[in-house]
Amino acid sequence: MLILLGAVVLVLLIACANIANLLLSKATARHKEIAIRTALGANRGRILRQLLTESTLLGLLGGVFGFLVAYAGSKTLVSFGSFSIPQLTDFSFDMKVPLFALVVSLLTSLIFGLAPAIDASNPNLNEALKEGGRSSSGGATRARLRNALVITEVALAVVLVTASGLMLRSFVRLQGTSSGLNPHNLITLELELPDVRYHAAQQQTLFQQQLLQRVGSLPGVQNAATVDNLPFSGNAFNTSFTIEGRPTGPTTETPRAYYRVISPDYFPAIGIELHKGNQFTDRDTAEQPGVAIVNETAAQRYWPGVDPLGKRIKRGRPESKNPWLTVIGIVSGSRQLSLKEGSQPEIYVPYLQNPGLTFTLVARTASDPRSLTGALRKEVLSADREIPAVNIKLMEELISNSVAKERFYVLLLAVFAALALILAAVGVYGVMSYSVTLRTRDIGIRMALGARPVDIFKHIVGQALLLGLIGLGVGIVLAIASTRVMSSLLYGINATDPLTLAITSLVLLAVALLASYLPARRATRVDPLVTLRYE
């Protein structure tokens, strides 16, 4: 959230720089009017109040318009993300939001309009009222200030665009990460048996057996299985366990692993490979000795250099009453709650030895699994009409939802980066356009002395590129310094990624070129005769 707050602050600062530039240019254009009013007796305080009133009104109107845009935009963003982020469905505006936005708009318009107002309220009467004063650029100091504001806008835009680019590239890499499963053509259904009618363990196992037989016989179903805590579903049970023969104590590491109760066909159904040993069968009942399967991550962490097959483990501490389980197989590792997390140790046990009321049915199909939705509901209702079969999801959806927050943050940062680019482009365009207006007489003289339109075009565009390059240099330094705080949010990419910085540089330079194109074109159409006659 701090990253998003920082993005908001950067966009606000860029907008404030634009406001300051606008008010400064407006004050420069009105320097003769203000000089005349001063000469006629208007005191500085009165002129200052008028200018601040104008900037306050500008901030008020901007705040109201911004709130309306934010209200409409937030509805779109919420509808986009509410499918995978349930908390967004509770999002709503209250009166604090428009009041806060209004206060911020008024304060920023006052603060950033104060300097131009103070400068404009103290004109040089002799300079402003002399003939030709209408062509004055307002002085080199104001020109440097306008350029500095544009450089600031570009620099801040570089920081925001760089952050957005890093998050985007990180998210693309995250989505390309293997989950350790095969989610294609895999459909899931969460079920919960009522304790009143399925209190006995035998009733629970019998229901699962019958349901698996029904679903497994459906046309197009290749494998059907059950698991109590499906990966990426948000449900997980991480427990400590004891390894037989290993000392336990306060100075030794307590082994921990995700604990899953599965049916025999779970591994082929979910897409996990058996690397060594055996899978569970229907013969692994409660009357038989307890068995377990571990994944490669658990084998490498807790049995380094030793074959865990045949070893015995127990959930909990050695003195617990849980039965000892013999490891009979090793499977490949998979991710649990999110693609960002690496493979964690896992222990699998057969459902016939560990029955339960809550489980998830998974079915792998030969074609589009959505076509199986109706048949799955029908089979569940056939087994027990009082058990709801409504929470049906594709495995691909669950994996996608596990990175929903990251996707939403990337979208918001992209929106803020786009706003920053637009504001920076407006800033460059405004300064270059106003510069062309102030220098119309100079351009006319140059063209009268033989300057070609292409020379004028290159000169204007070159000025914009110079401002863009300076802002880009400052922005890259700021980006490298500020994006280091994002390191914990990035996946598979460095906060100072050269490719992202290169792309950001090209984008900002392209924006500066496009923003200066129209002013440069207008400068090439200046008629020297008309300009000099007017002056």
Protein backbone atom coordinates (compact mmCIF):
# COMPACT_ATOMS: atom_id res chain seq x y z
CA MET A 1 0.00 0.00 0.00
CA LEU A 2 2.93 2.36 0.64
CA ILE A 3 3.93 1.99 -3.01
CA LEU A 4 0.44 3.05 -4.14
CA LEU A 5 0.47 5.97 -1.70
CA GLY A 6 3.85 7.02 -3.09
CA ALA A 7 2.45 6.82 -6.63
CA VAL A 8 -0.47 9.06 -5.65
CA VAL A 9 1.92 11.60 -4.11
CA LEU A 10 4.08 11.62 -7.25
CA VAL A 11 1.07 12.20 -9.51
CA LEU A 12 -0.08 14.99 -7.19
CA LEU A 13 3.36 16.64 -7.31
CA ILE A 14 3.44 16.44 -11.11
CA ALA A 15 -0.02 18.00 -11.28
CA CYS A 16 1.08 20.72 -8.85
CA ALA A 17 4.12 21.48 -11.01
CA ASN A 18 1.77 21.81 -13.98
CA ILE A 19 -0.46 24.18 -12.02
CA ALA A 20 2.50 26.29 -10.97
CA ASN A 21 3.72 26.44 -14.58
CA LEU A 22 0.25 27.38 -15.80
CA LEU A 23 -0.14 30.16 -13.23
CA LEU A 24 3.39 31.43 -13.91
CA SER A 25 2.74 31.58 -17.64
CA LYS A 26 -0.60 33.27 -17.05
CA ALA A 27 1.01 35.85 -14.78
CA THR A 28 3.68 36.54 -17.38
CA ALA A 29 1.02 37.03 -20.05
CA ARG A 30 -0.84 39.48 -17.76
CA HIS A 31 2.21 41.43 -16.64
CA LYS A 32 1.15 44.53 -18.58
CA GLU A 33 -2.42 44.38 -17.25
CA ILE A 34 -1.15 44.08 -13.67
CA ALA A 35 1.32 46.92 -14.26
CA ILE A 36 -1.49 49.20 -15.51
CA ARG A 37 -3.66 48.37 -12.51
CA THR A 38 -0.74 49.05 -10.19
CA ALA A 39 -0.07 52.36 -11.92
CA LEU A 40 -3.74 53.29 -11.47
CA GLY A 41 -3.53 52.78 -7.71
CA ALA A 42 -4.20 49.11 -7.00
CA ASN A 43 -2.07 47.99 -4.06
CA ARG A 44 -0.08 44.78 -4.01
CA GLY A 45 -2.32 43.06 -1.46
CA ARG A 46 -5.41 43.51 -3.62
CA ILE A 47 -3.70 42.07 -6.70
CA LEU A 48 -2.30 39.22 -4.63
CA ARG A 49 -5.78 38.40 -3.27
CA GLN A 50 -7.21 38.34 -6.80
CA LEU A 51 -4.52 36.02 -8.11
CA LEU A 52 -4.86 33.68 -5.14
CA THR A 53 -8.64 33.69 -5.53
CA GLU A 54 -8.24 32.65 -9.15
CA SER A 55 -5.87 29.82 -8.23
CA THR A 56 -8.19 28.71 -5.41
CA LEU A 57 -11.15 28.61 -7.79
CA LEU A 58 -9.03 26.59 -10.21
CA GLY A 59 -8.19 24.13 -7.43
CA LEU A 60 -11.84 23.89 -6.34
CA LEU A 61 -13.10 23.13 -9.85
CA GLY A 62 -10.24 20.69 -10.40
CA GLY A 63 -11.00 18.93 -7.13
CA VAL A 64 -14.69 18.51 -7.97
CA PHE A 65 -13.92 17.25 -11.47
CA GLY A 66 -11.21 14.94 -10.13
CA PHE A 67 -13.59 13.46 -7.58
CA LEU A 68 -16.17 12.73 -10.28
CA VAL A 69 -13.53 11.04 -12.43
CA ALA A 70 -12.23 9.10 -9.40
CA TYR A 71 -15.75 7.97 -8.49
CA ALA A 72 -16.43 6.67 -11.97
CA GLY A 73 -12.96 5.16 -12.33
CA SER A 74 -13.09 3.42 -8.96
CA LYS A 75 -16.31 1.67 -9.96
CA THR A 76 -14.55 0.30 -13.02
CA LEU A 77 -11.49 -0.80 -11.03
CA VAL A 78 -13.63 -2.44 -8.35
CA SER A 79 -15.65 -4.34 -10.94
CA PHE A 80 -12.38 -5.46 -12.52
CA GLY A 81 -10.84 -6.75 -9.32
CA SER A 82 -13.84 -7.87 -7.23
CA PHE A 83 -13.99 -11.26 -8.92
CA SER A 84 -10.60 -12.26 -7.49
CA ILE A 85 -10.37 -9.88 -4.48
CA PRO A 86 -13.58 -10.37 -2.45
CA GLN A 87 -12.76 -7.46 -0.09
CA LEU A 88 -13.28 -5.00 -2.95
CA THR A 89 -16.99 -5.75 -3.02
CA ASP A 90 -17.27 -3.83 0.27
CA PHE A 91 -15.59 -0.76 -1.22
CA SER A 92 -17.64 2.43 -1.05
CA PHE A 93 -17.16 6.19 -0.90
CA ASP A 94 -18.03 8.12 2.23
CA MET A 95 -18.08 11.86 2.88
CA LYS A 96 -14.49 11.81 4.12
CA VAL A 97 -13.20 11.04 0.62
CA PRO A 98 -14.60 14.09 -1.25
CA LEU A 99 -13.82 16.36 1.70
CA PHE A 100 -10.22 15.16 1.82
CA ALA A 101 -9.87 15.53 -1.96
CA LEU A 102 -11.34 19.04 -1.78
CA VAL A 103 -8.98 20.11 1.03
CA VAL A 104 -5.95 18.72 -0.83
CA SER A 105 -7.00 20.49 -4.03
CA LEU A 106 -7.44 23.82 -2.27
CA LEU A 107 -4.19 23.55 -0.33
CA THR A 108 -2.11 22.55 -3.35
CA SER A 109 -3.62 25.29 -5.51
CA LEU A 110 -2.88 27.86 -2.81
CA ILE A 111 0.64 26.65 -2.06
CA PHE A 112 1.74 26.24 -5.68
CA GLY A 113 -0.07 29.39 -6.77
CA LEU A 114 1.50 31.53 -4.07
CA ALA A 115 4.94 31.96 -5.65
CA PRO A 116 3.61 33.02 -9.11
CA ALA A 117 1.12 35.35 -7.41
CA ILE A 118 3.80 37.03 -5.26
CA ASP A 119 6.05 37.45 -8.28
CA ALA A 120 3.28 38.83 -10.50
CA SER A 121 1.94 41.23 -7.85
CA ASN A 122 5.20 43.20 -7.84
CA PRO A 123 5.72 44.23 -11.49
CA ASN A 124 8.44 46.47 -12.89
CA LEU A 125 6.31 49.36 -14.13
CA ASN A 126 9.00 50.92 -16.31
CA GLU A 127 9.72 47.63 -18.10
CA ALA A 128 6.10 46.50 -18.36
CA LEU A 129 4.63 49.74 -19.74
CA LYS A 130 7.24 50.62 -22.31
CA GLU A 131 6.52 49.99 -25.97
CA GLY A 132 7.12 46.43 -26.99
CA GLY A 133 6.47 45.20 -23.49
CA ARG A 134 3.79 42.92 -24.84
CA SER A 135 6.49 40.74 -26.36
CA SER A 136 8.44 40.40 -23.16
CA SER A 137 9.13 36.88 -22.01
CA GLY A 138 8.81 37.90 -18.40
CA GLY A 139 12.53 37.70 -17.74
CA ALA A 140 15.15 34.98 -17.70
CA THR A 141 14.30 34.06 -14.10
CA ARG A 142 10.74 33.11 -14.99
CA ALA A 143 11.92 31.18 -18.04
CA ARG A 144 14.36 29.22 -15.89
CA LEU A 145 11.63 28.55 -13.35
CA ARG A 146 9.29 27.24 -16.05
CA ASN A 147 12.03 24.98 -17.38
CA ALA A 148 12.83 23.76 -13.85
CA LEU A 149 9.18 22.84 -13.31
CA VAL A 150 9.13 20.85 -16.55
CA ILE A 151 12.33 19.05 -15.57
CA THR A 152 10.74 18.23 -12.21
CA GLU A 153 7.65 16.82 -13.92
CA VAL A 154 9.73 14.64 -16.22
CA ALA A 155 11.92 13.42 -13.34
CA LEU A 156 8.93 12.46 -11.20
CA ALA A 157 7.29 10.78 -14.19
CA VAL A 158 10.47 8.73 -14.71
CA VAL A 159 10.28 7.46 -11.12
CA LEU A 160 6.64 6.46 -11.47
CA VAL A 161 6.97 4.90 -14.91
CA THR A 162 10.05 2.97 -13.76
CA ALA A 163 8.19 1.62 -10.73
CA SER A 164 5.25 0.63 -12.91
CA GLY A 165 7.56 -1.05 -15.41
CA LEU A 166 9.34 -3.01 -12.67
CA MET A 167 6.04 -4.21 -11.22
CA LEU A 168 4.76 -5.17 -14.67
CA ARG A 169 7.88 -7.14 -15.59
CA SER A 170 7.87 -8.77 -12.17
CA PHE A 171 4.22 -9.78 -12.59
CA VAL A 172 4.86 -11.22 -16.05
CA ARG A 173 7.66 -13.36 -14.64
CA LEU A 174 5.46 -14.38 -11.73
CA GLN A 175 2.70 -15.55 -14.05
CA GLY A 176 5.24 -17.54 -16.05
CA THR A 177 6.36 -19.39 -12.92
CA SER A 178 5.48 -23.07 -12.81
CA SER A 179 3.08 -24.01 -10.03
CA GLY A 180 4.35 -27.59 -9.95
CA LEU A 181 0.86 -28.70 -10.98
CA ASN A 182 -0.93 -29.18 -14.28
CA PRO A 183 -3.92 -26.84 -14.01
CA HIS A 184 -5.19 -27.31 -17.56
CA ASN A 185 -8.56 -29.08 -17.93
CA LEU A 186 -8.87 -29.39 -14.16
CA ILE A 187 -12.09 -28.54 -12.35
CA THR A 188 -12.60 -28.38 -8.58
CA LEU A 189 -15.61 -28.54 -6.27
CA GLU A 190 -15.55 -27.82 -2.53
CA LEU A 191 -17.88 -29.95 -0.41
CA GLU A 192 -18.74 -30.08 3.27
CA LEU A 193 -20.63 -33.03 4.75
CA PRO A 194 -23.14 -32.29 7.53
CA ASP A 195 -21.82 -33.59 10.83
CA VAL A 196 -25.28 -34.77 11.91
CA ARG A 197 -25.53 -37.44 9.21
CA TYR A 198 -21.82 -38.08 8.59
CA HIS A 199 -20.48 -38.18 12.12
CA ALA A 200 -18.92 -41.63 11.81
CA ALA A 201 -15.63 -42.04 9.93
CA GLN A 202 -17.03 -44.96 7.93
CA GLN A 203 -19.86 -42.77 6.62
CA GLN A 204 -17.39 -40.11 5.51
CA THR A 205 -15.15 -42.52 3.63
CA LEU A 206 -18.13 -44.29 2.07
CA PHE A 207 -19.52 -41.02 0.68
CA GLN A 208 -16.17 -40.11 -0.87
CA GLN A 209 -15.76 -43.58 -2.39
CA GLN A 210 -19.21 -43.49 -3.97
CA LEU A 211 -18.76 -39.93 -5.25
CA LEU A 212 -15.37 -40.77 -6.80
CA GLN A 213 -16.89 -43.77 -8.55
CA ARG A 214 -19.75 -41.67 -9.93
CA VAL A 215 -17.55 -38.81 -11.14
CA GLY A 216 -14.85 -41.12 -12.47
CA SER A 217 -17.40 -42.87 -14.69
CA LEU A 218 -18.57 -39.63 -16.35
CA PRO A 219 -17.73 -39.32 -20.07
CA GLY A 220 -14.60 -37.23 -20.62
CA VAL A 221 -13.28 -37.58 -17.05
CA GLN A 222 -9.73 -38.96 -17.01
CA ASN A 223 -9.04 -38.82 -13.25
CA ALA A 224 -11.11 -37.97 -10.18
CA ALA A 225 -9.75 -37.49 -6.68
CA THR A 226 -10.31 -35.68 -3.39
CA VAL A 227 -8.07 -33.56 -1.15
CA ASP A 228 -8.83 -31.80 2.11
CA ASN A 229 -6.71 -28.66 1.42
CA LEU A 230 -6.37 -27.91 -2.26
CA PRO A 231 -3.30 -25.88 -3.26
CA PHE A 232 -4.06 -22.21 -4.13
CA SER A 233 -7.52 -22.45 -2.54
CA GLY A 234 -6.46 -20.42 0.50
CA ASN A 235 -6.87 -23.48 2.74
CA ALA A 236 -3.70 -24.95 4.20
CA PHE A 237 -2.69 -26.93 7.26
CA ASN A 238 0.94 -26.56 8.26
CA THR A 239 1.95 -28.79 11.13
CA SER A 240 5.00 -29.98 12.98
CA PHE A 241 5.99 -33.62 12.88
CA THR A 242 8.49 -35.97 14.44
CA ILE A 243 11.00 -38.16 12.61
CA GLU A 244 11.62 -41.48 14.32
CA GLY A 245 15.09 -41.71 15.79
CA ARG A 246 15.78 -37.99 15.61
CA PRO A 247 16.48 -36.15 18.87
CA THR A 248 14.04 -33.42 19.82
CA GLY A 249 14.64 -30.48 22.09
CA PRO A 250 14.75 -26.69 22.35
CA THR A 251 18.02 -26.51 20.42
CA THR A 252 16.95 -28.67 17.48
CA GLU A 253 14.81 -27.56 14.54
CA THR A 254 11.25 -28.85 14.67
CA PRO A 255 10.30 -30.26 11.26
CA ARG A 256 7.20 -28.70 9.70
CA ALA A 257 5.23 -29.52 6.57
CA TYR A 258 1.91 -28.94 4.86
CA TYR A 259 -0.38 -31.85 5.71
CA ARG A 260 -2.81 -33.13 3.08
CA VAL A 261 -5.37 -35.92 3.08
CA ILE A 262 -5.86 -37.29 -0.45
CA SER A 263 -7.48 -40.11 -2.38
CA PRO A 264 -5.37 -42.58 -4.41
CA ASP A 265 -5.72 -40.83 -7.82
CA TYR A 266 -4.86 -37.36 -6.51
CA PHE A 267 -1.35 -37.17 -8.00
CA PRO A 268 -2.29 -38.04 -11.62
CA ALA A 269 -5.39 -35.84 -11.33
CA ILE A 270 -3.53 -32.75 -10.08
CA GLY A 271 -0.46 -33.28 -12.25
CA ILE A 272 2.14 -34.15 -9.58
CA GLU A 273 4.72 -36.73 -10.59
CA LEU A 274 5.69 -39.73 -8.48
CA HIS A 275 9.50 -39.82 -8.43
CA LYS A 276 10.11 -42.79 -6.20
CA GLY A 277 8.18 -45.45 -4.32
CA ASN A 278 4.46 -46.14 -4.50
CA GLN A 279 1.20 -44.24 -4.55
CA PHE A 280 -1.72 -44.83 -2.22
CA THR A 281 -4.26 -47.52 -3.07
CA ASP A 282 -7.72 -48.51 -1.84
CA ARG A 283 -6.00 -51.08 0.35
CA ASP A 284 -4.57 -48.31 2.57
CA THR A 285 -7.48 -48.49 5.00
CA ALA A 286 -7.77 -47.73 8.69
CA GLU A 287 -7.06 -51.39 9.50
CA GLN A 288 -3.67 -51.24 7.78
CA PRO A 289 -0.45 -49.65 9.10
CA GLY A 290 -0.28 -45.90 8.59
CA VAL A 291 1.48 -44.70 5.43
CA ALA A 292 2.57 -41.33 4.06
CA ILE A 293 4.12 -39.78 0.96
CA VAL A 294 6.47 -36.79 1.13
CA ASN A 295 7.52 -34.37 -1.58
CA GLU A 296 11.05 -33.74 -2.78
CA THR A 297 11.35 -30.53 -0.77
CA ALA A 298 10.67 -32.38 2.48
CA ALA A 299 13.03 -35.20 1.50
CA GLN A 300 15.89 -32.79 0.72
CA ARG A 301 15.35 -30.64 3.81
CA TYR A 302 14.77 -33.31 6.46
CA TRP A 303 16.60 -36.33 4.98
CA PRO A 304 19.58 -34.76 3.19
CA GLY A 305 21.66 -37.47 1.54
CA VAL A 306 19.37 -40.18 2.95
CA ASP A 307 16.57 -42.11 1.28
CA PRO A 308 13.40 -41.33 3.30
CA LEU A 309 11.55 -44.42 2.00
CA GLY A 310 10.79 -46.72 4.89
CA LYS A 311 11.39 -44.00 7.49
CA ARG A 312 8.67 -43.34 10.03
CA ILE A 313 7.14 -40.00 10.96
CA LYS A 314 4.44 -38.84 13.33
CA ARG A 315 2.35 -35.67 13.30
CA GLY A 316 3.08 -33.62 16.39
CA ARG A 317 5.59 -34.37 19.14
CA PRO A 318 6.94 -37.85 19.97
CA GLU A 319 4.62 -38.22 22.97
CA SER A 320 1.49 -37.45 20.89
CA LYS A 321 -1.08 -40.19 20.36
CA ASN A 322 -0.98 -39.78 16.57
CA PRO A 323 0.05 -43.00 14.79
CA TRP A 324 3.45 -43.55 13.23
CA LEU A 325 3.41 -43.33 9.42
CA THR A 326 5.81 -45.12 7.10
CA VAL A 327 7.03 -43.12 4.10
CA ILE A 328 6.23 -45.15 0.97
CA GLY A 329 6.77 -42.59 -1.82
CA ILE A 330 8.36 -39.33 -2.92
CA VAL A 331 6.60 -36.91 -5.30
CA SER A 332 7.59 -33.67 -7.00
CA GLY A 333 7.20 -30.39 -5.16
CA SER A 334 4.51 -27.80 -5.84
CA ARG A 335 3.57 -24.34 -4.63
CA GLN A 336 0.91 -23.97 -1.98
CA LEU A 337 -0.75 -20.58 -1.52
CA SER A 338 0.84 -18.37 -4.14
CA LEU A 339 3.17 -18.46 -7.10
CA LYS A 340 5.53 -16.17 -5.19
CA GLU A 341 6.22 -18.84 -2.58
CA GLY A 342 8.62 -21.62 -3.42
CA SER A 343 7.90 -25.29 -2.94
CA GLN A 344 7.41 -26.15 0.74
CA PRO A 345 7.68 -29.53 2.53
CA GLU A 346 4.50 -31.59 2.21
CA ILE A 347 3.19 -34.79 3.75
CA TYR A 348 0.35 -36.69 2.08
CA VAL A 349 -1.77 -39.31 3.86
CA PRO A 350 -4.61 -41.50 2.47
CA TYR A 351 -8.19 -40.42 3.10
CA LEU A 352 -9.24 -43.97 4.08
CA GLN A 353 -6.97 -43.64 7.13
CA ASN A 354 -7.80 -39.96 7.78
CA PRO A 355 -11.48 -39.29 6.96
CA GLY A 356 -12.98 -35.82 7.27
CA LEU A 357 -16.12 -33.77 6.68
CA THR A 358 -14.59 -31.15 4.38
CA PHE A 359 -12.80 -31.92 1.14
CA THR A 360 -12.42 -30.75 -2.46
CA LEU A 361 -13.25 -32.90 -5.45
CA VAL A 362 -10.87 -32.51 -8.41
CA ALA A 363 -11.53 -33.94 -11.86
CA ARG A 364 -9.27 -33.89 -14.93
CA THR A 365 -11.12 -33.87 -18.23
CA ALA A 366 -10.17 -34.58 -21.81
CA SER A 367 -11.77 -31.33 -23.04
CA ASP A 368 -13.10 -28.05 -21.66
CA PRO A 369 -13.87 -28.75 -17.97
CA ARG A 370 -16.67 -26.15 -17.93
CA SER A 371 -18.83 -28.61 -19.82
CA LEU A 372 -18.66 -30.89 -16.77
CA THR A 373 -20.16 -28.38 -14.33
CA GLY A 374 -23.75 -29.56 -14.68
CA ALA A 375 -22.78 -33.23 -14.49
CA LEU A 376 -20.76 -32.67 -11.31
CA ARG A 377 -23.69 -30.98 -9.60
CA LYS A 378 -25.98 -33.79 -10.68
CA GLU A 379 -23.70 -36.48 -9.26
CA VAL A 380 -23.36 -34.67 -5.92
CA LEU A 381 -27.12 -34.27 -5.67
CA SER A 382 -27.55 -37.93 -6.56
CA ALA A 383 -25.25 -38.87 -3.70
CA ASP A 384 -26.93 -36.52 -1.20
CA ARG A 385 -29.49 -33.84 -2.12
CA GLU A 386 -28.81 -31.83 1.02
CA ILE A 387 -25.16 -31.13 0.16
CA PRO A 388 -24.78 -27.91 -1.87
CA ALA A 389 -22.56 -28.09 -4.95
CA VAL A 390 -22.08 -24.41 -5.76
CA ASN A 391 -18.40 -23.59 -5.24
CA ILE A 392 -17.11 -24.93 -8.57
CA LYS A 393 -13.90 -23.39 -9.91
CA LEU A 394 -11.28 -24.17 -12.48
CA MET A 395 -7.78 -24.82 -11.17
CA GLU A 396 -6.48 -22.14 -13.55
CA GLU A 397 -8.81 -19.63 -11.87
CA LEU A 398 -7.50 -20.53 -8.41
CA ILE A 399 -3.90 -20.06 -9.51
CA SER A 400 -4.79 -16.79 -11.22
CA ASN A 401 -6.63 -15.57 -8.12
CA SER A 402 -3.58 -16.29 -5.97
CA VAL A 403 -1.84 -13.33 -7.64
CA ALA A 404 -4.97 -11.17 -7.88
CA LYS A 405 -3.63 -8.51 -5.50
CA GLU A 406 -0.39 -8.25 -7.45
CA ARG A 407 -2.37 -7.93 -10.69
CA PHE A 408 -4.55 -5.21 -9.17
CA TYR A 409 -1.54 -3.25 -7.90
CA VAL A 410 0.10 -3.48 -11.32
CA LEU A 411 -3.08 -2.11 -12.89
CA LEU A 412 -3.24 0.81 -10.46
CA LEU A 413 0.43 1.63 -10.94
CA ALA A 414 -0.05 1.49 -14.72
CA VAL A 415 -2.94 3.97 -14.42
CA PHE A 416 -0.83 6.31 -12.29
CA ALA A 417 2.11 5.98 -14.69
CA ALA A 418 -0.18 6.82 -17.63
CA LEU A 419 -1.45 9.89 -15.75
CA ALA A 420 2.14 10.92 -15.02
CA LEU A 421 3.06 10.60 -18.71
CA ILE A 422 0.02 12.64 -19.76
CA LEU A 423 0.78 15.36 -17.22
CA ALA A 424 4.45 15.44 -18.22
CA ALA A 425 3.44 15.70 -21.87
CA VAL A 426 1.05 18.55 -21.04
CA GLY A 427 3.82 20.28 -19.12
CA VAL A 428 6.33 20.03 -21.97
CA TYR A 429 3.71 21.08 -24.50
CA GLY A 430 2.62 24.04 -22.40
CA VAL A 431 6.13 25.37 -21.88
CA MET A 432 7.17 24.93 -25.50
CA SER A 433 3.91 26.39 -26.81
CA TYR A 434 4.19 29.40 -24.54
CA SER A 435 7.85 29.79 -25.45
CA VAL A 436 6.91 29.90 -29.14
CA THR A 437 4.24 32.53 -28.40
CA LEU A 438 6.67 34.72 -26.46
CA ARG A 439 9.39 34.32 -29.09
CA THR A 440 7.22 34.95 -32.14
CA ARG A 441 9.11 38.19 -32.92
CA ASP A 442 12.47 36.46 -32.49
CA ILE A 443 11.39 33.58 -34.75
CA GLY A 444 10.12 36.06 -37.34
CA ILE A 445 13.46 37.91 -37.36
CA ARG A 446 15.36 34.61 -37.71
CA MET A 447 13.21 33.58 -40.67
CA ALA A 448 13.56 37.05 -42.24
CA LEU A 449 17.33 36.67 -41.99
CA GLY A 450 17.23 33.35 -43.84
CA ALA A 451 16.50 30.66 -41.26
CA ARG A 452 14.65 27.75 -42.83
CA PRO A 453 11.48 26.26 -41.27
CA VAL A 454 13.36 23.01 -40.63
CA ASP A 455 15.96 24.93 -38.62
CA ILE A 456 13.24 26.51 -36.49
CA PHE A 457 11.62 23.08 -36.04
CA LYS A 458 14.89 21.51 -34.93
CA HIS A 459 15.56 24.38 -32.54
CA ILE A 460 12.18 24.05 -30.75
CA VAL A 461 12.32 20.25 -30.62
CA GLY A 462 15.93 20.43 -29.45
CA GLN A 463 14.91 22.62 -26.52
CA ALA A 464 12.23 20.13 -25.53
CA LEU A 465 14.68 17.24 -25.83
CA LEU A 466 17.20 19.08 -23.67
CA LEU A 467 14.63 19.55 -20.92
CA GLY A 468 13.58 15.92 -21.33
CA LEU A 469 17.16 14.65 -21.11
CA ILE A 470 17.91 16.69 -17.97
CA GLY A 471 14.68 15.49 -16.36
CA LEU A 472 15.45 11.95 -17.47
CA GLY A 473 18.90 12.05 -15.88
CA VAL A 474 17.55 13.38 -12.59
CA GLY A 475 14.64 10.92 -12.72
CA ILE A 476 16.86 7.88 -13.26
CA VAL A 477 18.95 8.81 -10.22
CA LEU A 478 15.78 9.23 -8.15
CA ALA A 479 14.32 6.00 -9.55
CA ILE A 480 17.39 3.96 -8.67
CA ALA A 481 17.36 5.40 -5.16
CA SER A 482 13.62 5.05 -4.54
CA THR A 483 12.79 1.74 -6.23
CA ARG A 484 15.12 -0.14 -3.87
CA VAL A 485 12.28 -0.13 -1.36
CA MET A 486 10.32 -2.22 -3.87
CA SER A 487 12.79 -5.10 -3.80
CA SER A 488 10.60 -7.18 -1.50
CA LEU A 489 7.65 -6.76 -3.88
CA LEU A 490 9.52 -7.81 -7.00
CA TYR A 491 9.83 -11.37 -8.26
CA GLY A 492 12.72 -12.54 -10.42
CA ILE A 493 13.87 -9.03 -11.26
CA ASN A 494 16.24 -6.46 -9.76
CA ALA A 495 15.06 -3.02 -8.64
CA THR A 496 17.72 -1.49 -10.91
CA ASP A 497 16.82 -3.60 -13.95
CA PRO A 498 18.66 -2.01 -16.94
CA LEU A 499 16.02 -3.03 -19.49
CA THR A 500 13.24 -1.33 -17.52
CA LEU A 501 15.30 1.84 -17.16
CA ALA A 502 16.11 1.79 -20.89
CA ILE A 503 12.45 1.37 -21.87
CA THR A 504 11.44 4.14 -19.45
CA SER A 505 14.03 6.46 -20.98
CA LEU A 506 12.80 5.79 -24.51
CA VAL A 507 9.16 6.32 -23.49
CA LEU A 508 9.87 9.65 -21.76
CA LEU A 509 11.96 10.93 -24.68
CA ALA A 510 9.21 9.91 -27.09
CA VAL A 511 6.67 11.80 -24.95
CA ALA A 512 8.88 14.90 -24.98
CA LEU A 513 9.22 14.70 -28.77
CA LEU A 514 5.48 14.29 -29.33
CA ALA A 515 4.66 17.09 -26.89
CA SER A 516 6.99 19.50 -28.69
CA TYR A 517 5.85 18.57 -32.20
CA LEU A 518 2.81 20.87 -32.42
CA PRO A 519 4.57 23.95 -30.97
CA ALA A 520 7.49 23.33 -33.32
CA ARG A 521 5.13 23.03 -36.30
CA ARG A 522 3.40 26.25 -35.31
CA ALA A 523 6.75 28.01 -35.06
CA THR A 524 7.62 27.03 -38.65
CA ARG A 525 4.45 28.74 -39.91
CA VAL A 526 5.33 32.16 -38.51
CA ASP A 527 5.09 34.82 -41.24
CA PRO A 528 8.05 37.22 -40.79
CA LEU A 529 6.26 40.14 -42.51
CA VAL A 530 3.12 39.84 -40.39
CA THR A 531 5.11 39.37 -37.19
CA LEU A 532 7.43 42.34 -37.72
CA ARG A 533 4.55 44.58 -38.83
CA TYR A 534 2.62 43.63 -35.67
CA GLU A 535 5.62 44.32 -33.46
